[in-house]
Amino acid sequence: MTQRVLCQHARVLHARSFRETSLLVDFFTQEHGRVCAVARGARTQRSKFRGLLQPFIPVTISWSGRSDLVTLSDAEPCGMPLSFSGTALLSGLYINELLVRLLARHDPHPELFMYY
């Protein structure tokens, strides 16, 4: 049975190309921990996700799926994006990569999310 999850606050940890027009995005959510989702068509010119699935932009996401890899169905900004440059930007990206590698999928860490 397909699981549908609606309106979860999330942060983009990492996004990479997936096939021709999609992105494979690692999110960090408060209630579900790290979630890996396919954003179908996110790399096309008319995508509703274009420019939104970037690190340091707080988003509210919805997804559906049955496995560890879910399909992103909606994403909306839910706050002001953080703006970093220089060493702060590199440090932030490094922390994101550490979270991708150290957090297990679907293992919530609400206190860590609060500090993120």
PDB file of N, CA and C in Angstrom:
ATOM      1  N   MET A   1       0.833  -1.179   0.000  1.00  0.00           N
ATOM      2  CA  MET A   1       0.000   0.000   0.000  1.00  0.00           C
ATOM      3  C   MET A   1       0.882   1.249   0.000  1.00  0.00           C
ATOM      4  N   THR A   2       0.528   2.207  -0.794  1.00  0.00           N
ATOM      5  CA  THR A   2       1.300   3.431  -0.913  1.00  0.00           C
ATOM      6  C   THR A   2       1.054   4.335   0.284  1.00  0.00           C
ATOM      7  N   GLN A   3       2.138   4.844   0.838  1.00  0.00           N
ATOM      8  CA  GLN A   3       2.046   5.764   1.965  1.00  0.00           C
ATOM      9  C   GLN A   3       2.092   7.192   1.433  1.00  0.00           C
ATOM     10  N   ARG A   4       1.168   8.036   1.897  1.00  0.00           N
ATOM     11  CA  ARG A   4       1.156   9.452   1.522  1.00  0.00           C
ATOM     12  C   ARG A   4       1.471  10.269   2.764  1.00  0.00           C
ATOM     13  N   VAL A   5       2.424  11.158   2.644  1.00  0.00           N
ATOM     14  CA  VAL A   5       2.805  12.043   3.741  1.00  0.00           C
ATOM     15  C   VAL A   5       2.619  13.469   3.249  1.00  0.00           C
ATOM     16  N   LEU A   6       1.893  14.267   4.028  1.00  0.00           N
ATOM     17  CA  LEU A   6       1.552  15.621   3.609  1.00  0.00           C
ATOM     18  C   LEU A   6       2.164  16.664   4.531  1.00  0.00           C
ATOM     19  N   CYS A   7       2.574  17.772   3.969  1.00  0.00           N
ATOM     20  CA  CYS A   7       2.977  18.991   4.678  1.00  0.00           C
ATOM     21  C   CYS A   7       3.993  18.770   5.786  1.00  0.00           C
ATOM     22  N   GLN A   8       5.160  18.300   5.421  1.00  0.00           N
ATOM     23  CA  GLN A   8       6.257  18.121   6.368  1.00  0.00           C
ATOM     24  C   GLN A   8       7.286  19.226   6.165  1.00  0.00           C
ATOM     25  N   HIS A   9       7.681  19.868   7.269  1.00  0.00           N
ATOM     26  CA  HIS A   9       8.750  20.864   7.187  1.00  0.00           C
ATOM     27  C   HIS A   9      10.052  20.132   6.904  1.00  0.00           C
ATOM     28  N   ALA A  10      10.829  20.655   5.973  1.00  0.00           N
ATOM     29  CA  ALA A  10      12.045  19.958   5.550  1.00  0.00           C
ATOM     30  C   ALA A  10      13.123  20.945   5.140  1.00  0.00           C
ATOM     31  N   ARG A  11      14.339  20.422   5.094  1.00  0.00           N
ATOM     32  CA  ARG A  11      15.492  21.147   4.573  1.00  0.00           C
ATOM     33  C   ARG A  11      16.158  20.252   3.532  1.00  0.00           C
ATOM     34  N   VAL A  12      16.607  20.831   2.448  1.00  0.00           N
ATOM     35  CA  VAL A  12      17.311  20.078   1.411  1.00  0.00           C
ATOM     36  C   VAL A  12      18.751  19.885   1.858  1.00  0.00           C
ATOM     37  N   LEU A  13      19.170  18.627   1.955  1.00  0.00           N
ATOM     38  CA  LEU A  13      20.556  18.330   2.294  1.00  0.00           C
ATOM     39  C   LEU A  13      21.415  18.196   1.044  1.00  0.00           C
ATOM     40  N   HIS A  14      20.868  17.532   0.023  1.00  0.00           N
ATOM     41  CA  HIS A  14      21.654  17.266  -1.184  1.00  0.00           C
ATOM     42  C   HIS A  14      20.701  16.984  -2.344  1.00  0.00           C
ATOM     43  N   ALA A  15      21.025  17.471  -3.516  1.00  0.00           N
ATOM     44  CA  ALA A  15      20.235  17.191  -4.722  1.00  0.00           C
ATOM     45  C   ALA A  15      21.194  16.846  -5.855  1.00  0.00           C
ATOM     46  N   ARG A  16      20.848  15.815  -6.611  1.00  0.00           N
ATOM     47  CA  ARG A  16      21.687  15.402  -7.735  1.00  0.00           C
ATOM     48  C   ARG A  16      20.789  14.964  -8.896  1.00  0.00           C
ATOM     49  N   SER A  17      21.352  14.992 -10.077  1.00  0.00           N
ATOM     50  CA  SER A  17      20.600  14.626 -11.279  1.00  0.00           C
ATOM     51  C   SER A  17      20.175  13.171 -11.220  1.00  0.00           C
ATOM     52  N   PHE A  18      18.975  12.916 -11.759  1.00  0.00           N
ATOM     53  CA  PHE A  18      18.442  11.562 -11.833  1.00  0.00           C
ATOM     54  C   PHE A  18      17.733  11.437 -13.174  1.00  0.00           C
ATOM     55  N   ARG A  19      18.249  10.592 -14.019  1.00  0.00           N
ATOM     56  CA  ARG A  19      17.754  10.433 -15.383  1.00  0.00           C
ATOM     57  C   ARG A  19      17.840  11.753 -16.137  1.00  0.00           C
ATOM     58  N   GLU A  20      16.966  11.986 -17.097  1.00  0.00           N
ATOM     59  CA  GLU A  20      17.115  13.172 -17.943  1.00  0.00           C
ATOM     60  C   GLU A  20      16.531  14.441 -17.345  1.00  0.00           C
ATOM     61  N   THR A  21      15.392  14.349 -16.676  1.00  0.00           N
ATOM     62  CA  THR A  21      14.722  15.577 -16.233  1.00  0.00           C
ATOM     63  C   THR A  21      14.443  15.629 -14.740  1.00  0.00           C
ATOM     64  N   SER A  22      14.847  14.633 -13.997  1.00  0.00           N
ATOM     65  CA  SER A  22      14.494  14.566 -12.584  1.00  0.00           C
ATOM     66  C   SER A  22      15.687  14.827 -11.676  1.00  0.00           C
ATOM     67  N   LEU A  23      15.371  15.024 -10.403  1.00  0.00           N
ATOM     68  CA  LEU A  23      16.387  15.168  -9.363  1.00  0.00           C
ATOM     69  C   LEU A  23      16.153  14.118  -8.292  1.00  0.00           C
ATOM     70  N   LEU A  24      17.232  13.656  -7.699  1.00  0.00           N
ATOM     71  CA  LEU A  24      17.186  12.787  -6.531  1.00  0.00           C
ATOM     72  C   LEU A  24      17.591  13.669  -5.355  1.00  0.00           C
ATOM     73  N   VAL A  25      16.663  13.900  -4.420  1.00  0.00           N
ATOM     74  CA  VAL A  25      16.868  14.892  -3.364  1.00  0.00           C
ATOM     75  C   VAL A  25      16.829  14.223  -1.998  1.00  0.00           C
ATOM     76  N   ASP A  26      17.825  14.527  -1.169  1.00  0.00           N
ATOM     77  CA  ASP A  26      17.830  14.099   0.229  1.00  0.00           C
ATOM     78  C   ASP A  26      17.297  15.243   1.073  1.00  0.00           C
ATOM     79  N   PHE A  27      16.190  14.983   1.788  1.00  0.00           N
ATOM     80  CA  PHE A  27      15.586  15.965   2.684  1.00  0.00           C
ATOM     81  C   PHE A  27      15.836  15.555   4.126  1.00  0.00           C
ATOM     82  N   PHE A  28      15.858  16.531   5.021  1.00  0.00           N
ATOM     83  CA  PHE A  28      15.899  16.282   6.456  1.00  0.00           C
ATOM     84  C   PHE A  28      14.603  16.839   7.023  1.00  0.00           C
ATOM     85  N   THR A  29      13.742  15.955   7.559  1.00  0.00           N
ATOM     86  CA  THR A  29      12.451  16.364   8.097  1.00  0.00           C
ATOM     87  C   THR A  29      12.413  16.138   9.600  1.00  0.00           C
ATOM     88  N   GLN A  30      11.527  16.845  10.254  1.00  0.00           N
ATOM     89  CA  GLN A  30      11.430  16.745  11.708  1.00  0.00           C
ATOM     90  C   GLN A  30      10.817  15.423  12.152  1.00  0.00           C
ATOM     91  N   GLU A  31       9.771  14.981  11.492  1.00  0.00           N
ATOM     92  CA  GLU A  31       9.047  13.788  11.934  1.00  0.00           C
ATOM     93  C   GLU A  31       9.522  12.492  11.285  1.00  0.00           C
ATOM     94  N   HIS A  32      10.157  12.567  10.128  1.00  0.00           N
ATOM     95  CA  HIS A  32      10.551  11.362   9.397  1.00  0.00           C
ATOM     96  C   HIS A  32      12.056  11.237   9.198  1.00  0.00           C
ATOM     97  N   GLY A  33      12.837  12.165   9.714  1.00  0.00           N
ATOM     98  CA  GLY A  33      14.285  12.101   9.558  1.00  0.00           C
ATOM     99  C   GLY A  33      14.707  12.355   8.123  1.00  0.00           C
ATOM    100  N   ARG A  34      15.725  11.633   7.672  1.00  0.00           N
ATOM    101  CA  ARG A  34      16.226  11.809   6.305  1.00  0.00           C
ATOM    102  C   ARG A  34      15.350  11.021   5.341  1.00  0.00           C
ATOM    103  N   VAL A  35      14.890  11.703   4.315  1.00  0.00           N
ATOM    104  CA  VAL A  35      14.022  11.105   3.304  1.00  0.00           C
ATOM    105  C   VAL A  35      14.646  11.365   1.940  1.00  0.00           C
ATOM    106  N   CYS A  36      14.749  10.327   1.129  1.00  0.00           N
ATOM    107  CA  CYS A  36      15.263  10.459  -0.232  1.00  0.00           C
ATOM    108  C   CYS A  36      14.072  10.406  -1.191  1.00  0.00           C
ATOM    109  N   ALA A  37      13.943  11.429  -2.036  1.00  0.00           N
ATOM    110  CA  ALA A  37      12.779  11.526  -2.914  1.00  0.00           C
ATOM    111  C   ALA A  37      13.197  11.851  -4.340  1.00  0.00           C
ATOM    112  N   VAL A  38      12.407  11.355  -5.281  1.00  0.00           N
ATOM    113  CA  VAL A  38      12.581  11.694  -6.689  1.00  0.00           C
ATOM    114  C   VAL A  38      11.656  12.863  -6.998  1.00  0.00           C
ATOM    115  N   ALA A  39      12.232  13.949  -7.490  1.00  0.00           N
ATOM    116  CA  ALA A  39      11.447  15.108  -7.932  1.00  0.00           C
ATOM    117  C   ALA A  39      11.363  15.019  -9.452  1.00  0.00           C
ATOM    118  N   ARG A  40      10.279  14.439  -9.929  1.00  0.00           N
ATOM    119  CA  ARG A  40      10.127  14.195 -11.369  1.00  0.00           C
ATOM    120  C   ARG A  40       9.960  15.507 -12.131  1.00  0.00           C
ATOM    121  N   GLY A  41      10.737  15.650 -13.176  1.00  0.00           N
ATOM    122  CA  GLY A  41      10.655  16.835 -14.024  1.00  0.00           C
ATOM    123  C   GLY A  41      11.235  18.096 -13.409  1.00  0.00           C
ATOM    124  N   ALA A  42      11.974  17.981 -12.316  1.00  0.00           N
ATOM    125  CA  ALA A  42      12.479  19.162 -11.604  1.00  0.00           C
ATOM    126  C   ALA A  42      13.528  19.933 -12.396  1.00  0.00           C
ATOM    127  N   ARG A  43      14.130  19.311 -13.396  1.00  0.00           N
ATOM    128  CA  ARG A  43      15.172  19.992 -14.173  1.00  0.00           C
ATOM    129  C   ARG A  43      14.634  20.610 -15.460  1.00  0.00           C
ATOM    130  N   THR A  44      13.330  20.559 -15.666  1.00  0.00           N
ATOM    131  CA  THR A  44      12.751  21.174 -16.861  1.00  0.00           C
ATOM    132  C   THR A  44      12.505  22.660 -16.610  1.00  0.00           C
ATOM    133  N   GLN A  45      12.337  23.410 -17.692  1.00  0.00           N
ATOM    134  CA  GLN A  45      12.150  24.862 -17.584  1.00  0.00           C
ATOM    135  C   GLN A  45      10.857  25.238 -16.858  1.00  0.00           C
ATOM    136  N   ARG A  46       9.804  24.449 -17.029  1.00  0.00           N
ATOM    137  CA  ARG A  46       8.506  24.802 -16.454  1.00  0.00           C
ATOM    138  C   ARG A  46       8.181  24.060 -15.164  1.00  0.00           C
ATOM    139  N   SER A  47       9.167  23.518 -14.505  1.00  0.00           N
ATOM    140  CA  SER A  47       8.925  22.734 -13.299  1.00  0.00           C
ATOM    141  C   SER A  47       8.498  23.614 -12.126  1.00  0.00           C
ATOM    142  N   LYS A  48       7.546  23.112 -11.344  1.00  0.00           N
ATOM    143  CA  LYS A  48       7.135  23.840 -10.138  1.00  0.00           C
ATOM    144  C   LYS A  48       8.202  23.758  -9.049  1.00  0.00           C
ATOM    145  N   PHE A  49       9.153  22.841  -9.195  1.00  0.00           N
ATOM    146  CA  PHE A  49      10.229  22.686  -8.213  1.00  0.00           C
ATOM    147  C   PHE A  49      11.476  23.494  -8.571  1.00  0.00           C
ATOM    148  N   ARG A  50      11.519  24.054  -9.769  1.00  0.00           N
ATOM    149  CA  ARG A  50      12.729  24.727 -10.258  1.00  0.00           C
ATOM    150  C   ARG A  50      13.137  25.868  -9.324  1.00  0.00           C
ATOM    151  N   GLY A  51      14.380  25.841  -8.875  1.00  0.00           N
ATOM    152  CA  GLY A  51      14.909  26.880  -7.994  1.00  0.00           C
ATOM    153  C   GLY A  51      14.541  26.721  -6.535  1.00  0.00           C
ATOM    154  N   LEU A  52      13.684  25.766  -6.222  1.00  0.00           N
ATOM    155  CA  LEU A  52      13.216  25.593  -4.851  1.00  0.00           C
ATOM    156  C   LEU A  52      13.988  24.518  -4.103  1.00  0.00           C
ATOM    157  N   LEU A  53      14.465  23.526  -4.801  1.00  0.00           N
ATOM    158  CA  LEU A  53      15.135  22.393  -4.163  1.00  0.00           C
ATOM    159  C   LEU A  53      16.635  22.639  -4.066  1.00  0.00           C
ATOM    160  N   GLN A  54      16.984  23.663  -3.322  1.00  0.00           N
ATOM    161  CA  GLN A  54      18.366  24.059  -3.099  1.00  0.00           C
ATOM    162  C   GLN A  54      18.656  24.017  -1.600  1.00  0.00           C
ATOM    163  N   PRO A  55      19.910  23.777  -1.220  1.00  0.00           N
ATOM    164  CA  PRO A  55      20.248  23.807   0.209  1.00  0.00           C
ATOM    165  C   PRO A  55      19.938  25.169   0.829  1.00  0.00           C
ATOM    166  N   PHE A  56      19.598  25.135   2.104  1.00  0.00           N
ATOM    167  CA  PHE A  56      19.356  26.324   2.934  1.00  0.00           C
ATOM    168  C   PHE A  56      18.061  27.057   2.603  1.00  0.00           C
ATOM    169  N   ILE A  57      17.150  26.405   1.881  1.00  0.00           N
ATOM    170  CA  ILE A  57      15.816  26.959   1.649  1.00  0.00           C
ATOM    171  C   ILE A  57      14.827  26.093   2.421  1.00  0.00           C
ATOM    172  N   PRO A  58      14.175  26.629   3.464  1.00  0.00           N
ATOM    173  CA  PRO A  58      13.181  25.835   4.190  1.00  0.00           C
ATOM    174  C   PRO A  58      11.949  25.594   3.313  1.00  0.00           C
ATOM    175  N   VAL A  59      11.514  24.348   3.241  1.00  0.00           N
ATOM    176  CA  VAL A  59      10.373  23.983   2.403  1.00  0.00           C
ATOM    177  C   VAL A  59       9.393  23.113   3.188  1.00  0.00           C
ATOM    178  N   THR A  60       8.165  23.108   2.719  1.00  0.00           N
ATOM    179  CA  THR A  60       7.148  22.176   3.188  1.00  0.00           C
ATOM    180  C   THR A  60       6.905  21.212   2.034  1.00  0.00           C
ATOM    181  N   ILE A  61       7.066  19.908   2.305  1.00  0.00           N
ATOM    182  CA  ILE A  61       6.981  18.923   1.225  1.00  0.00           C
ATOM    183  C   ILE A  61       5.899  17.886   1.503  1.00  0.00           C
ATOM    184  N   SER A  62       5.421  17.291   0.429  1.00  0.00           N
ATOM    185  CA  SER A  62       4.506  16.152   0.485  1.00  0.00           C
ATOM    186  C   SER A  62       5.060  15.095  -0.457  1.00  0.00           C
ATOM    187  N   TRP A  63       4.889  13.817  -0.076  1.00  0.00           N
ATOM    188  CA  TRP A  63       5.403  12.741  -0.920  1.00  0.00           C
ATOM    189  C   TRP A  63       4.533  11.509  -0.788  1.00  0.00           C
ATOM    190  N   SER A  64       4.753  10.577  -1.709  1.00  0.00           N
ATOM    191  CA  SER A  64       4.069   9.286  -1.654  1.00  0.00           C
ATOM    192  C   SER A  64       5.045   8.215  -2.111  1.00  0.00           C
ATOM    193  N   GLY A  65       4.822   7.003  -1.636  1.00  0.00           N
ATOM    194  CA  GLY A  65       5.675   5.890  -2.022  1.00  0.00           C
ATOM    195  C   GLY A  65       5.655   4.789  -0.994  1.00  0.00           C
ATOM    196  N   ARG A  66       6.225   3.637  -1.374  1.00  0.00           N
ATOM    197  CA  ARG A  66       6.221   2.478  -0.494  1.00  0.00           C
ATOM    198  C   ARG A  66       7.602   2.063  -0.030  1.00  0.00           C
ATOM    199  N   SER A  67       8.627   2.617  -0.585  1.00  0.00           N
ATOM    200  CA  SER A  67       9.969   2.132  -0.284  1.00  0.00           C
ATOM    201  C   SER A  67      10.814   3.257   0.301  1.00  0.00           C
ATOM    202  N   ASP A  68      12.115   3.029   0.339  1.00  0.00           N
ATOM    203  CA  ASP A  68      13.025   4.063   0.823  1.00  0.00           C
ATOM    204  C   ASP A  68      13.122   5.232  -0.148  1.00  0.00           C
ATOM    205  N   LEU A  69      12.808   5.008  -1.401  1.00  0.00           N
ATOM    206  CA  LEU A  69      12.836   6.064  -2.405  1.00  0.00           C
ATOM    207  C   LEU A  69      11.399   6.446  -2.737  1.00  0.00           C
ATOM    208  N   VAL A  70      10.993   7.644  -2.328  1.00  0.00           N
ATOM    209  CA  VAL A  70       9.612   8.090  -2.512  1.00  0.00           C
ATOM    210  C   VAL A  70       9.554   9.111  -3.649  1.00  0.00           C
ATOM    211  N   THR A  71       8.346   9.463  -4.049  1.00  0.00           N
ATOM    212  CA  THR A  71       8.140  10.443  -5.109  1.00  0.00           C
ATOM    213  C   THR A  71       7.619  11.736  -4.507  1.00  0.00           C
ATOM    214  N   LEU A  72       8.312  12.816  -4.769  1.00  0.00           N
ATOM    215  CA  LEU A  72       7.915  14.129  -4.275  1.00  0.00           C
ATOM    216  C   LEU A  72       6.692  14.594  -5.050  1.00  0.00           C
ATOM    217  N   SER A  73       5.622  14.963  -4.333  1.00  0.00           N
ATOM    218  CA  SER A  73       4.417  15.410  -5.017  1.00  0.00           C
ATOM    219  C   SER A  73       4.209  16.913  -4.906  1.00  0.00           C
ATOM    220  N   ASP A  74       4.757  17.544  -3.859  1.00  0.00           N
ATOM    221  CA  ASP A  74       4.585  18.983  -3.707  1.00  0.00           C
ATOM    222  C   ASP A  74       5.712  19.547  -2.854  1.00  0.00           C
ATOM    223  N   ALA A  75       6.084  20.768  -3.124  1.00  0.00           N
ATOM    224  CA  ALA A  75       7.081  21.482  -2.321  1.00  0.00           C
ATOM    225  C   ALA A  75       6.771  22.970  -2.397  1.00  0.00           C
ATOM    226  N   GLU A  76       6.763  23.611  -1.237  1.00  0.00           N
ATOM    227  CA  GLU A  76       6.505  25.045  -1.169  1.00  0.00           C
ATOM    228  C   GLU A  76       7.481  25.674  -0.192  1.00  0.00           C
ATOM    229  N   PRO A  77       7.935  26.892  -0.459  1.00  0.00           N
ATOM    230  CA  PRO A  77       8.818  27.551   0.510  1.00  0.00           C
ATOM    231  C   PRO A  77       8.042  27.869   1.783  1.00  0.00           C
ATOM    232  N   CYS A  78       8.704  27.764   2.929  1.00  0.00           N
ATOM    233  CA  CYS A  78       8.005  28.029   4.192  1.00  0.00           C
ATOM    234  C   CYS A  78       8.805  28.964   5.096  1.00  0.00           C
ATOM    235  N   GLY A  79       9.685  29.735   4.529  1.00  0.00           N
ATOM    236  CA  GLY A  79      10.464  30.680   5.313  1.00  0.00           C
ATOM    237  C   GLY A  79      11.491  31.359   4.436  1.00  0.00           C
ATOM    238  N   MET A  80      12.253  32.218   5.054  1.00  0.00           N
ATOM    239  CA  MET A  80      13.296  32.934   4.329  1.00  0.00           C
ATOM    240  C   MET A  80      14.504  32.028   4.111  1.00  0.00           C
ATOM    241  N   PRO A  81      15.039  32.001   2.899  1.00  0.00           N
ATOM    242  CA  PRO A  81      16.249  31.206   2.665  1.00  0.00           C
ATOM    243  C   PRO A  81      17.439  31.821   3.393  1.00  0.00           C
ATOM    244  N   LEU A  82      18.331  30.958   3.841  1.00  0.00           N
ATOM    245  CA  LEU A  82      19.554  31.422   4.482  1.00  0.00           C
ATOM    246  C   LEU A  82      20.569  31.761   3.400  1.00  0.00           C
ATOM    247  N   SER A  83      21.268  32.851   3.582  1.00  0.00           N
ATOM    248  CA  SER A  83      22.253  33.286   2.602  1.00  0.00           C
ATOM    249  C   SER A  83      23.644  33.221   3.214  1.00  0.00           C
ATOM    250  N   PHE A  84      24.489  32.356   2.662  1.00  0.00           N
ATOM    251  CA  PHE A  84      25.857  32.199   3.133  1.00  0.00           C
ATOM    252  C   PHE A  84      26.818  32.504   1.995  1.00  0.00           C
ATOM    253  N   SER A  85      28.033  32.864   2.352  1.00  0.00           N
ATOM    254  CA  SER A  85      29.079  33.028   1.346  1.00  0.00           C
ATOM    255  C   SER A  85      30.417  32.650   1.962  1.00  0.00           C
ATOM    256  N   GLY A  86      31.361  32.342   1.103  1.00  0.00           N
ATOM    257  CA  GLY A  86      32.713  32.035   1.553  1.00  0.00           C
ATOM    258  C   GLY A  86      32.797  30.815   2.447  1.00  0.00           C
ATOM    259  N   THR A  87      33.514  30.960   3.551  1.00  0.00           N
ATOM    260  CA  THR A  87      33.756  29.858   4.476  1.00  0.00           C
ATOM    261  C   THR A  87      32.462  29.344   5.101  1.00  0.00           C
ATOM    262  N   ALA A  88      31.521  30.244   5.387  1.00  0.00           N
ATOM    263  CA  ALA A  88      30.244  29.826   5.978  1.00  0.00           C
ATOM    264  C   ALA A  88      29.475  28.916   5.020  1.00  0.00           C
ATOM    265  N   LEU A  89      29.504  29.228   3.728  1.00  0.00           N
ATOM    266  CA  LEU A  89      28.831  28.393   2.731  1.00  0.00           C
ATOM    267  C   LEU A  89      29.470  27.011   2.660  1.00  0.00           C
ATOM    268  N   LEU A  90      30.784  26.963   2.606  1.00  0.00           N
ATOM    269  CA  LEU A  90      31.476  25.675   2.553  1.00  0.00           C
ATOM    270  C   LEU A  90      31.216  24.855   3.809  1.00  0.00           C
ATOM    271  N   SER A  91      31.188  25.502   4.966  1.00  0.00           N
ATOM    272  CA  SER A  91      30.907  24.800   6.223  1.00  0.00           C
ATOM    273  C   SER A  91      29.485  24.250   6.235  1.00  0.00           C
ATOM    274  N   GLY A  92      28.527  25.042   5.762  1.00  0.00           N
ATOM    275  CA  GLY A  92      27.141  24.587   5.702  1.00  0.00           C
ATOM    276  C   GLY A  92      26.960  23.403   4.773  1.00  0.00           C
ATOM    277  N   LEU A  93      27.592  23.445   3.612  1.00  0.00           N
ATOM    278  CA  LEU A  93      27.513  22.325   2.675  1.00  0.00           C
ATOM    279  C   LEU A  93      28.185  21.079   3.247  1.00  0.00           C
ATOM    280  N   TYR A  94      29.273  21.274   3.982  1.00  0.00           N
ATOM    281  CA  TYR A  94      29.962  20.146   4.619  1.00  0.00           C
ATOM    282  C   TYR A  94      29.073  19.503   5.685  1.00  0.00           C
ATOM    283  N   ILE A  95      28.386  20.320   6.472  1.00  0.00           N
ATOM    284  CA  ILE A  95      27.465  19.785   7.485  1.00  0.00           C
ATOM    285  C   ILE A  95      26.342  19.009   6.808  1.00  0.00           C
ATOM    286  N   ASN A  96      25.821  19.529   5.697  1.00  0.00           N
ATOM    287  CA  ASN A  96      24.779  18.808   4.961  1.00  0.00           C
ATOM    288  C   ASN A  96      25.275  17.440   4.508  1.00  0.00           C
ATOM    289  N   GLU A  97      26.481  17.369   3.976  1.00  0.00           N
ATOM    290  CA  GLU A  97      27.032  16.087   3.527  1.00  0.00           C
ATOM    291  C   GLU A  97      27.230  15.127   4.696  1.00  0.00           C
ATOM    292  N   LEU A  98      27.659  15.645   5.842  1.00  0.00           N
ATOM    293  CA  LEU A  98      27.787  14.787   7.025  1.00  0.00           C
ATOM    294  C   LEU A  98      26.433  14.213   7.433  1.00  0.00           C
ATOM    295  N   LEU A  99      25.390  15.043   7.404  1.00  0.00           N
ATOM    296  CA  LEU A  99      24.054  14.561   7.764  1.00  0.00           C
ATOM    297  C   LEU A  99      23.573  13.489   6.788  1.00  0.00           C
ATOM    298  N   VAL A 100      23.844  13.662   5.498  1.00  0.00           N
ATOM    299  CA  VAL A 100      23.448  12.657   4.504  1.00  0.00           C
ATOM    300  C   VAL A 100      24.123  11.328   4.799  1.00  0.00           C
ATOM    301  N   ARG A 101      25.379  11.373   5.175  1.00  0.00           N
ATOM    302  CA  ARG A 101      26.139  10.138   5.392  1.00  0.00           C
ATOM    303  C   ARG A 101      25.920   9.514   6.764  1.00  0.00           C
ATOM    304  N   LEU A 102      25.598  10.318   7.775  1.00  0.00           N
ATOM    305  CA  LEU A 102      25.506   9.795   9.138  1.00  0.00           C
ATOM    306  C   LEU A 102      24.088   9.450   9.597  1.00  0.00           C
ATOM    307  N   LEU A 103      23.076  10.083   9.025  1.00  0.00           N
ATOM    308  CA  LEU A 103      21.701   9.814   9.447  1.00  0.00           C
ATOM    309  C   LEU A 103      21.106   8.668   8.634  1.00  0.00           C
ATOM    310  N   ALA A 104      20.503   7.731   9.328  1.00  0.00           N
ATOM    311  CA  ALA A 104      19.798   6.643   8.644  1.00  0.00           C
ATOM    312  C   ALA A 104      18.479   7.180   8.093  1.00  0.00           C
ATOM    313  N   ARG A 105      18.016   6.584   7.011  1.00  0.00           N
ATOM    314  CA  ARG A 105      16.741   7.011   6.443  1.00  0.00           C
ATOM    315  C   ARG A 105      15.600   6.697   7.401  1.00  0.00           C
ATOM    316  N   HIS A 106      14.652   7.611   7.460  1.00  0.00           N
ATOM    317  CA  HIS A 106      13.425   7.481   8.251  1.00  0.00           C
ATOM    318  C   HIS A 106      13.700   7.301   9.744  1.00  0.00           C
ATOM    319  N   ASP A 107      14.781   7.882  10.234  1.00  0.00           N
ATOM    320  CA  ASP A 107      15.113   7.868  11.661  1.00  0.00           C
ATOM    321  C   ASP A 107      15.020   9.311  12.160  1.00  0.00           C
ATOM    322  N   PRO A 108      13.891   9.689  12.798  1.00  0.00           N
ATOM    323  CA  PRO A 108      13.691  11.094  13.166  1.00  0.00           C
ATOM    324  C   PRO A 108      14.629  11.559  14.279  1.00  0.00           C
ATOM    325  N   HIS A 109      15.071  12.792  14.148  1.00  0.00           N
ATOM    326  CA  HIS A 109      15.893  13.459  15.162  1.00  0.00           C
ATOM    327  C   HIS A 109      15.331  14.868  15.346  1.00  0.00           C
ATOM    328  N   PRO A 110      14.206  15.013  16.077  1.00  0.00           N
ATOM    329  CA  PRO A 110      13.551  16.325  16.174  1.00  0.00           C
ATOM    330  C   PRO A 110      14.418  17.404  16.816  1.00  0.00           C
ATOM    331  N   GLU A 111      15.257  17.035  17.779  1.00  0.00           N
ATOM    332  CA  GLU A 111      16.112  18.043  18.413  1.00  0.00           C
ATOM    333  C   GLU A 111      17.168  18.547  17.435  1.00  0.00           C
ATOM    334  N   LEU A 112      17.753  17.650  16.667  1.00  0.00           N
ATOM    335  CA  LEU A 112      18.741  18.050  15.669  1.00  0.00           C
ATOM    336  C   LEU A 112      18.093  18.924  14.601  1.00  0.00           C
ATOM    337  N   PHE A 113      16.872  18.576  14.195  1.00  0.00           N
ATOM    338  CA  PHE A 113      16.160  19.377  13.205  1.00  0.00           C
ATOM    339  C   PHE A 113      15.914  20.783  13.743  1.00  0.00           C
ATOM    340  N   MET A 114      15.592  20.889  15.020  1.00  0.00           N
ATOM    341  CA  MET A 114      15.324  22.190  15.632  1.00  0.00           C
ATOM    342  C   MET A 114      16.568  23.087  15.564  1.00  0.00           C
ATOM    343  N   TYR A 115      17.746  22.505  15.765  1.00  0.00           N
ATOM    344  CA  TYR A 115      18.975  23.290  15.730  1.00  0.00           C
ATOM    345  C   TYR A 115      19.466  23.556  14.316  1.00  0.00           C
ATOM    346  N   TYR A 116      19.011  22.762  13.365  1.00  0.00           N
ATOM    347  CA  TYR A 116      19.437  22.956  11.982  1.00  0.00           C
ATOM    348  C   TYR A 116      18.854  24.253  11.457  1.00  0.00           C
TER     349      TYR A 116
END
